[in-house]
């Protein structure tokens, strides 16, 4: 879902005005040592533990909080949906400080989400961004109803759904048996593609291999996250 020129300029201006002395990463210093492949393996291994009902092997929380008070060094960022059933830290069996999450209904990409992910990559050095759609997404379902039935929504909701309508149109061209599910998957892939091009800083990191952006789908019933071909 591409950003408007106005939103892109606004985001770039905000980043340009950000204090250059702000901390780059957590810890006592460096960002995660994982590359994109390692970060993706860790994410998917965490999801496998979640599906198997295995608890996260976390340090005592008081100890972990004290360590994180010095700074953060997440190993991946997740752009996901606000749906209460899809919290990334739970789905990936991750602990405090391990994931940098951005959540908005329909896992869309607007200026605020882009700016947040710019911070994750440029300041925190995360090597991986996952765009995570999910089964039965209400925002995508609303977009399907708008496209198929002419559903009218309040202005703010309509502005959110408008950004998903191109995915519904693309999914519909494939004559799927389940338009909602197809649109959820197409929307995640489209958002991942848009993210790779929406920011010069992110595009540069993708080009030189410092960053990978993937699209994925979460199954509510099984708990499994599957990667989507792009």
Protein backbone atom coordinates (compact mmCIF):
# COMPACT_ATOMS: atom_id res chain seq x y z
CA UNK A 1 0.00 0.00 0.00
CA UNK A 2 2.04 2.98 -1.23
CA UNK A 3 2.26 6.18 0.78
CA UNK A 4 1.13 9.49 -0.63
CA UNK A 5 3.83 11.99 -1.62
CA UNK A 6 2.60 14.30 1.16
CA UNK A 7 2.91 11.59 3.81
CA UNK A 8 6.35 10.53 2.55
CA UNK A 9 7.65 14.11 2.71
CA UNK A 10 6.15 14.61 6.17
CA UNK A 11 7.80 11.47 7.45
CA UNK A 12 11.15 12.40 5.91
CA UNK A 13 10.94 15.85 7.51
CA UNK A 14 10.24 14.37 10.94
CA UNK A 15 13.22 12.06 10.67
CA UNK A 16 15.47 14.87 9.47
CA UNK A 17 14.53 16.91 12.54
CA UNK A 18 15.15 14.06 14.99
CA UNK A 19 18.06 14.63 17.37
CA UNK A 20 21.20 13.10 15.94
CA UNK A 21 22.53 12.41 19.42
CA UNK A 22 19.77 9.94 20.28
CA UNK A 23 20.97 6.46 21.28
CA UNK A 24 21.46 4.13 18.35
CA UNK A 25 20.62 0.95 20.14
CA UNK A 26 20.30 -0.81 23.39
CA UNK A 27 22.23 -2.42 25.73
CA UNK A 28 25.33 -1.25 26.74
CA UNK A 29 25.83 -0.57 23.09
CA UNK A 30 25.32 -2.58 19.98
CA UNK A 31 22.20 -3.78 18.18
CA UNK A 32 21.44 -7.46 17.73
CA UNK A 33 24.22 -9.60 16.31
CA UNK A 34 21.72 -11.61 14.23
CA UNK A 35 21.45 -11.12 10.50
CA UNK A 36 18.11 -11.33 8.70
CA UNK A 37 18.31 -15.09 8.20
CA UNK A 38 19.12 -15.66 11.86
CA UNK A 39 16.36 -13.32 13.00
CA UNK A 40 13.82 -15.12 10.80
CA UNK A 41 14.91 -18.52 12.13
CA UNK A 42 14.53 -17.25 15.68
CA UNK A 43 11.06 -15.87 14.96
CA UNK A 44 9.85 -19.09 13.38
CA UNK A 45 11.40 -21.23 16.13
CA UNK A 46 9.53 -19.11 18.66
CA UNK A 47 6.28 -19.64 16.77
CA UNK A 48 6.93 -23.39 16.77
CA UNK A 49 7.26 -23.23 20.57
CA UNK A 50 4.00 -21.29 20.78
CA UNK A 51 2.17 -23.87 18.66
CA UNK A 52 3.61 -26.62 20.87
CA UNK A 53 2.56 -24.77 24.07
CA UNK A 54 6.15 -24.47 25.22
CA UNK A 55 6.84 -21.50 27.51
CA UNK A 56 9.33 -18.78 26.71
CA UNK A 57 12.66 -19.45 28.45
CA UNK A 58 12.79 -15.96 29.93
CA UNK A 59 15.07 -14.59 32.61
CA UNK A 60 13.41 -13.47 35.84
CA UNK A 61 11.35 -10.41 34.93
CA UNK A 62 12.86 -8.05 37.50
CA UNK A 63 16.34 -8.88 36.25
CA UNK A 64 15.24 -8.46 32.64
CA UNK A 65 13.62 -5.09 33.35
CA UNK A 66 16.80 -3.79 34.98
CA UNK A 67 18.87 -4.84 31.98
CA UNK A 68 16.43 -3.26 29.51
CA UNK A 69 16.34 0.01 31.43
CA UNK A 70 19.77 0.67 29.88
CA UNK A 71 18.37 0.39 26.34
CA UNK A 72 16.80 -1.99 23.85
CA UNK A 73 18.17 -4.24 21.12
CA UNK A 74 15.24 -6.09 19.50
CA UNK A 75 16.19 -8.73 16.95
CA UNK A 76 13.21 -8.14 14.61
CA UNK A 77 10.31 -5.80 13.91
CA UNK A 78 6.76 -6.95 13.21
CA UNK A 79 4.14 -4.85 11.44
CA UNK A 80 0.94 -6.57 12.51
CA UNK A 81 -2.76 -6.09 13.13
CA UNK A 82 -4.25 -4.63 16.31
CA UNK A 83 -6.51 -7.69 16.64
CA UNK A 84 -6.34 -8.85 20.26
CA UNK A 85 -5.63 -12.42 19.13
CA UNK A 86 -2.43 -11.59 17.27
CA UNK A 87 0.07 -10.13 19.74
CA UNK A 88 3.50 -10.84 18.15
CA UNK A 89 5.33 -11.33 21.44
CA UNK A 90 2.96 -14.19 22.25
CA UNK A 91 2.78 -15.72 18.76
CA UNK A 92 6.58 -15.85 18.58
CA UNK A 93 7.16 -16.83 22.23
CA UNK A 94 9.30 -13.72 22.64
CA UNK A 95 10.28 -12.01 25.84
CA UNK A 96 10.46 -8.42 26.96
CA UNK A 97 12.66 -6.34 24.68
CA UNK A 98 13.03 -8.95 21.92
CA UNK A 99 10.56 -7.65 19.31
CA UNK A 100 9.83 -4.14 18.06
CA UNK A 101 6.14 -4.21 17.21
CA UNK A 102 3.96 -1.86 15.17
CA UNK A 103 0.25 -2.68 15.28
CA UNK A 104 -2.62 -1.09 13.38
CA UNK A 105 -5.96 -2.53 12.24
CA UNK A 106 -5.32 -4.31 8.96
CA UNK A 107 -1.49 -4.20 9.31
CA UNK A 108 -1.32 -1.28 6.89
CA UNK A 109 1.47 1.16 6.13
CA UNK A 110 0.95 4.90 6.54
CA UNK A 111 3.37 7.66 7.52
CA UNK A 112 3.30 6.88 11.25
CA UNK A 113 3.98 3.17 10.70
CA UNK A 114 6.76 3.95 8.22
CA UNK A 115 8.40 6.41 10.59
CA UNK A 116 8.26 3.87 13.41
CA UNK A 117 9.89 1.21 11.23
CA UNK A 118 12.51 3.72 10.08
CA UNK A 119 13.43 4.10 13.74
CA UNK A 120 13.56 0.33 14.21
CA UNK A 121 15.94 -0.14 11.29
CA UNK A 122 17.96 3.06 11.38
CA UNK A 123 18.33 3.60 15.13
CA UNK A 124 17.90 0.12 16.59
CA UNK A 125 19.44 -1.80 13.69
CA UNK A 126 16.85 -4.56 13.36
CA UNK A 127 17.75 -6.79 10.38
CA UNK A 128 14.24 -8.14 9.72
CA UNK A 129 10.74 -6.73 9.34
CA UNK A 130 7.81 -9.12 9.10
CA UNK A 131 4.46 -7.87 7.78
CA UNK A 132 1.97 -10.19 9.48
CA UNK A 133 -1.58 -10.63 8.21
CA UNK A 134 -3.97 -13.02 9.88
CA UNK A 135 -6.97 -15.25 9.30
CA UNK A 136 -10.33 -13.49 9.55
CA UNK A 137 -8.93 -9.95 9.69
CA UNK A 138 -11.80 -7.57 10.44
CA UNK A 139 -10.28 -4.62 8.57
CA UNK A 140 -9.81 -6.71 5.43
CA UNK A 141 -13.32 -8.15 5.86
CA UNK A 142 -14.68 -4.59 5.94
CA UNK A 143 -12.76 -3.79 2.75
CA UNK A 144 -14.32 -6.84 1.08
CA UNK A 145 -17.79 -5.64 2.15
CA UNK A 146 -17.09 -2.16 0.81
CA UNK A 147 -15.91 -3.59 -2.51
CA UNK A 148 -18.62 -6.24 -2.88
CA UNK A 149 -21.65 -4.71 -1.16
CA UNK A 150 -21.02 -0.96 -1.13
CA UNK A 151 -20.80 -0.87 2.68
CA UNK A 152 -20.57 2.70 4.02
CA UNK A 153 -18.27 3.37 6.98
CA UNK A 154 -17.47 6.42 9.13
CA UNK A 155 -14.73 8.63 7.69
CA UNK A 156 -11.84 7.43 9.86
CA UNK A 157 -12.67 3.78 9.31
CA UNK A 158 -13.15 4.37 5.61
CA UNK A 159 -9.71 5.94 5.31
CA UNK A 160 -8.22 2.81 6.86
CA UNK A 161 -10.20 0.49 4.59
CA UNK A 162 -9.45 2.51 1.45
CA UNK A 163 -5.83 1.45 1.70
CA UNK A 164 -6.84 -2.24 1.65
CA UNK A 165 -9.20 -2.05 -1.34
CA UNK A 166 -6.42 -2.52 -3.95
CA UNK A 167 -5.57 -5.85 -2.31
CA UNK A 168 -9.21 -6.92 -2.52
CA UNK A 169 -9.28 -6.06 -6.23
CA UNK A 170 -6.05 -7.95 -6.86
CA UNK A 171 -7.24 -10.98 -4.91
CA UNK A 172 -10.58 -11.00 -6.71
CA UNK A 173 -8.88 -11.29 -10.12
CA UNK A 174 -7.66 -14.74 -9.08
CA UNK A 175 -11.26 -15.99 -8.55
CA UNK A 176 -10.49 -17.42 -5.09
CA UNK A 177 -12.89 -19.68 -3.22
CA UNK A 178 -12.38 -17.52 -0.12
CA UNK A 179 -11.99 -13.85 -1.09
CA UNK A 180 -11.34 -12.70 2.47
CA UNK A 181 -8.47 -15.12 3.00
CA UNK A 182 -6.99 -14.34 -0.41
CA UNK A 183 -7.23 -10.60 0.24
CA UNK A 184 -5.52 -10.94 3.64
CA UNK A 185 -2.57 -12.67 1.96
CA UNK A 186 -2.39 -10.27 -0.97
CA UNK A 187 -2.54 -7.28 1.38
CA UNK A 188 0.38 -8.55 3.48
CA UNK A 189 2.46 -9.10 0.33
CA UNK A 190 1.55 -5.69 -1.10
CA UNK A 191 2.43 -3.97 2.16
CA UNK A 192 5.81 -5.72 2.31
CA UNK A 193 6.56 -4.65 -1.27
CA UNK A 194 5.49 -1.06 -0.55
CA UNK A 195 7.64 -0.93 2.56
CA UNK A 196 10.75 -1.89 0.58
CA UNK A 197 10.29 1.19 -1.61
CA UNK A 198 8.60 3.71 0.69
CA UNK A 199 11.76 4.94 2.39
CA UNK A 200 15.21 5.67 1.00
CA UNK A 201 16.81 4.48 4.22
CA UNK A 202 14.93 1.20 4.29
CA UNK A 203 15.48 0.65 0.56
CA UNK A 204 19.23 1.13 0.99
CA UNK A 205 19.37 -1.42 3.81
CA UNK A 206 17.40 -3.92 1.75
CA UNK A 207 19.67 -3.36 -1.25
CA UNK A 208 22.90 -3.97 0.66
CA UNK A 209 21.58 -6.94 2.62
CA UNK A 210 21.38 -5.34 6.06
CA UNK A 211 17.59 -5.72 6.09
CA UNK A 212 15.05 -8.23 4.85
CA UNK A 213 11.30 -7.64 4.68
CA UNK A 214 8.96 -10.63 4.55
CA UNK A 215 5.20 -11.15 4.47
CA UNK A 216 3.51 -13.81 6.58
CA UNK A 217 0.08 -15.16 7.57
CA UNK A 218 -1.15 -16.22 11.01
CA UNK A 219 -3.70 -19.02 11.44
CA UNK A 220 -5.95 -18.22 14.40
CA UNK A 221 -6.94 -21.81 15.10
CA UNK A 222 -3.61 -23.57 14.68
CA UNK A 223 -1.43 -20.74 15.98
CA UNK A 224 1.04 -21.21 13.12
CA UNK A 225 2.71 -18.43 11.16
CA UNK A 226 3.53 -19.23 7.53
CA UNK A 227 5.71 -17.19 5.20
CA UNK A 228 4.13 -15.89 2.01
CA UNK A 229 5.86 -15.97 -1.35
CA UNK A 230 6.43 -12.48 -2.67
